[in-house]
Amino acid sequence: MASPIIDADFENTVLKSSIPVLVDFWAPWCGPCRAVGPIVDELATEFADKVLVVKMNVDENPATPTKYGIRAIPTLIIFKGGEVIEQITGAVTKSTIKDMLTQKALA
């Protein structure tokens, strides 16, 4: 299961992580976000020791999404070494996200 994250914890949890981090930017009212959410949770379990998976509610935490130019949700961003290495916006399949993690985060 992906862990919730807030603006105040973003730097320490995501940018300073020793492993790659997948951040799911979402909101409860967003239909596509609700479709992608369970997939993100499954991948959090599958990649448990290799990738940290977190979810940020954009309504409750506006600073971080603004900083990274999030204009549409769901947006999934992979951070590695504190840098953005990949980003996907919109509802995508589990295999798309899994490939992104395998090819980008774990490369």
C-alpha atoms as a PDB file:
ATOM      1  CA  MET A   1       0.000   0.000   0.000  1.00  0.00           C
ATOM      2  CA  ALA A   2       1.288   3.449  -0.911  1.00  0.00           C
ATOM      3  CA  SER A   3       1.871   5.785   2.016  1.00  0.00           C
ATOM      4  CA  PRO A   4       0.293   9.232   2.155  1.00  0.00           C
ATOM      5  CA  ILE A   5       2.722  12.153   2.118  1.00  0.00           C
ATOM      6  CA  ILE A   6       2.310  15.860   2.860  1.00  0.00           C
ATOM      7  CA  ASP A   7       4.145  18.970   1.670  1.00  0.00           C
ATOM      8  CA  ALA A   8       6.105  19.269   4.934  1.00  0.00           C
ATOM      9  CA  ASP A   9       7.572  15.759   4.578  1.00  0.00           C
ATOM     10  CA  PHE A  10       8.272  15.828   0.842  1.00  0.00           C
ATOM     11  CA  GLU A  11      11.927  16.846   0.959  1.00  0.00           C
ATOM     12  CA  ASN A  12      12.994  14.333   3.616  1.00  0.00           C
ATOM     13  CA  THR A  13      10.859  11.464   2.346  1.00  0.00           C
ATOM     14  CA  VAL A  14      11.151  11.875  -1.423  1.00  0.00           C
ATOM     15  CA  LEU A  15      14.095  14.065  -2.347  1.00  0.00           C
ATOM     16  CA  LYS A  16      16.471  12.585   0.239  1.00  0.00           C
ATOM     17  CA  SER A  17      15.400   8.959  -0.258  1.00  0.00           C
ATOM     18  CA  SER A  18      18.187   6.442  -0.819  1.00  0.00           C
ATOM     19  CA  ILE A  19      15.933   4.503  -3.222  1.00  0.00           C
ATOM     20  CA  PRO A  20      13.785   5.705  -6.153  1.00  0.00           C
ATOM     21  CA  VAL A  21      10.370   7.142  -5.223  1.00  0.00           C
ATOM     22  CA  LEU A  22       7.102   6.989  -7.170  1.00  0.00           C
ATOM     23  CA  VAL A  23       4.776   9.846  -6.210  1.00  0.00           C
ATOM     24  CA  ASP A  24       1.092   9.627  -7.141  1.00  0.00           C
ATOM     25  CA  PHE A  25      -0.432  13.127  -7.212  1.00  0.00           C
ATOM     26  CA  TRP A  26      -4.192  12.654  -6.845  1.00  0.00           C
ATOM     27  CA  ALA A  27      -7.467  13.970  -5.378  1.00  0.00           C
ATOM     28  CA  PRO A  28     -10.476  12.087  -3.962  1.00  0.00           C
ATOM     29  CA  TRP A  29     -12.920  13.684  -6.435  1.00  0.00           C
ATOM     30  CA  CYS A  30     -10.868  12.579  -9.467  1.00  0.00           C
ATOM     31  CA  GLY A  31     -12.314   9.522 -11.233  1.00  0.00           C
ATOM     32  CA  PRO A  32      -9.143   8.542 -13.109  1.00  0.00           C
ATOM     33  CA  CYS A  33      -7.213   8.918  -9.827  1.00  0.00           C
ATOM     34  CA  ARG A  34      -9.544   6.406  -8.186  1.00  0.00           C
ATOM     35  CA  ALA A  35      -8.885   4.024 -11.100  1.00  0.00           C
ATOM     36  CA  VAL A  36      -5.081   4.347 -10.845  1.00  0.00           C
ATOM     37  CA  GLY A  37      -4.972   4.296  -7.024  1.00  0.00           C
ATOM     38  CA  PRO A  38      -5.375   0.526  -6.545  1.00  0.00           C
ATOM     39  CA  ILE A  39      -2.736  -0.108  -9.235  1.00  0.00           C
ATOM     40  CA  VAL A  40      -0.286   2.184  -7.431  1.00  0.00           C
ATOM     41  CA  ASP A  41      -1.016   0.305  -4.181  1.00  0.00           C
ATOM     42  CA  GLU A  42      -0.313  -3.050  -5.882  1.00  0.00           C
ATOM     43  CA  LEU A  43       2.977  -1.743  -7.264  1.00  0.00           C
ATOM     44  CA  ALA A  44       3.941  -0.448  -3.807  1.00  0.00           C
ATOM     45  CA  THR A  45       3.730  -4.050  -2.611  1.00  0.00           C
ATOM     46  CA  GLU A  46       5.480  -5.534  -5.660  1.00  0.00           C
ATOM     47  CA  PHE A  47       8.398  -3.086  -5.523  1.00  0.00           C
ATOM     48  CA  ALA A  48       8.448  -2.811  -1.705  1.00  0.00           C
ATOM     49  CA  ASP A  49      12.216  -3.060  -1.161  1.00  0.00           C
ATOM     50  CA  LYS A  50      13.259  -1.350  -4.385  1.00  0.00           C
ATOM     51  CA  VAL A  51      10.973   1.685  -4.803  1.00  0.00           C
ATOM     52  CA  LEU A  52       9.207   3.845  -2.218  1.00  0.00           C
ATOM     53  CA  VAL A  53       5.637   4.559  -3.333  1.00  0.00           C
ATOM     54  CA  VAL A  54       3.746   7.524  -1.880  1.00  0.00           C
ATOM     55  CA  LYS A  55       0.509   9.403  -2.627  1.00  0.00           C
ATOM     56  CA  MET A  56      -0.026  13.143  -2.309  1.00  0.00           C
ATOM     57  CA  ASN A  57      -3.521  14.653  -2.158  1.00  0.00           C
ATOM     58  CA  VAL A  58      -3.171  17.808  -4.255  1.00  0.00           C
ATOM     59  CA  ASP A  59      -6.121  19.528  -2.558  1.00  0.00           C
ATOM     60  CA  GLU A  60      -4.587  19.211   0.902  1.00  0.00           C
ATOM     61  CA  ASN A  61      -0.983  19.840  -0.210  1.00  0.00           C
ATOM     62  CA  PRO A  62      -0.818  22.568  -2.881  1.00  0.00           C
ATOM     63  CA  ALA A  63       2.851  23.602  -2.532  1.00  0.00           C
ATOM     64  CA  THR A  64       4.547  20.494  -3.954  1.00  0.00           C
ATOM     65  CA  PRO A  65       2.244  20.025  -6.970  1.00  0.00           C
ATOM     66  CA  THR A  66       2.701  23.725  -7.798  1.00  0.00           C
ATOM     67  CA  LYS A  67       6.495  23.403  -7.529  1.00  0.00           C
ATOM     68  CA  TYR A  68       6.508  20.497 -10.010  1.00  0.00           C
ATOM     69  CA  GLY A  69       3.984  22.039 -12.414  1.00  0.00           C
ATOM     70  CA  ILE A  70       1.206  19.514 -11.829  1.00  0.00           C
ATOM     71  CA  ARG A  71      -1.711  20.775 -13.908  1.00  0.00           C
ATOM     72  CA  ALA A  72      -3.671  17.544 -14.360  1.00  0.00           C
ATOM     73  CA  ILE A  73      -4.203  14.497 -12.194  1.00  0.00           C
ATOM     74  CA  PRO A  74      -3.449  11.745 -11.753  1.00  0.00           C
ATOM     75  CA  THR A  75       0.207  12.521 -12.342  1.00  0.00           C
ATOM     76  CA  LEU A  76       2.853   9.953 -11.455  1.00  0.00           C
ATOM     77  CA  ILE A  77       6.431  11.137 -11.046  1.00  0.00           C
ATOM     78  CA  ILE A  78       9.508   9.029 -10.374  1.00  0.00           C
ATOM     79  CA  PHE A  79      12.256  10.708  -8.374  1.00  0.00           C
ATOM     80  CA  LYS A  80      15.757   9.267  -8.178  1.00  0.00           C
ATOM     81  CA  GLY A  81      18.523  10.995  -6.276  1.00  0.00           C
ATOM     82  CA  GLY A  82      16.202  13.931  -5.638  1.00  0.00           C
ATOM     83  CA  GLU A  83      15.597  14.532  -9.361  1.00  0.00           C
ATOM     84  CA  VAL A  84      12.581  13.913 -11.590  1.00  0.00           C
ATOM     85  CA  ILE A  85      13.471  11.110 -13.991  1.00  0.00           C
ATOM     86  CA  GLU A  86      10.048  10.268 -15.450  1.00  0.00           C
ATOM     87  CA  GLN A  87       6.495  11.581 -15.401  1.00  0.00           C
ATOM     88  CA  ILE A  88       3.150  10.256 -16.644  1.00  0.00           C
ATOM     89  CA  THR A  89      -0.163  12.126 -16.541  1.00  0.00           C
ATOM     90  CA  GLY A  90      -3.562  10.477 -16.826  1.00  0.00           C
ATOM     91  CA  ALA A  91      -4.980   7.046 -16.191  1.00  0.00           C
ATOM     92  CA  VAL A  92      -2.540   4.435 -17.461  1.00  0.00           C
ATOM     93  CA  THR A  93      -2.315   0.666 -17.222  1.00  0.00           C
ATOM     94  CA  LYS A  94      -0.440  -1.262 -14.574  1.00  0.00           C
ATOM     95  CA  SER A  95       1.982  -2.574 -17.194  1.00  0.00           C
ATOM     96  CA  THR A  96       2.801   1.000 -18.302  1.00  0.00           C
ATOM     97  CA  ILE A  97       3.659   2.062 -14.757  1.00  0.00           C
ATOM     98  CA  LYS A  98       5.531  -1.179 -14.062  1.00  0.00           C
ATOM     99  CA  ASP A  99       7.612  -0.751 -17.246  1.00  0.00           C
ATOM    100  CA  MET A 100       8.342   2.852 -16.273  1.00  0.00           C
ATOM    101  CA  LEU A 101       9.572   1.724 -12.842  1.00  0.00           C
ATOM    102  CA  THR A 102      11.656  -1.107 -14.241  1.00  0.00           C
ATOM    103  CA  GLN A 103      13.231   0.866 -17.093  1.00  0.00           C
ATOM    104  CA  LYS A 104      13.720   4.214 -15.362  1.00  0.00           C
ATOM    105  CA  ALA A 105      13.795   3.820 -11.573  1.00  0.00           C
ATOM    106  CA  LEU A 106      15.672   0.543 -11.411  1.00  0.00           C
ATOM    107  CA  ALA A 107      17.930   1.052 -14.433  1.00  0.00           C
END
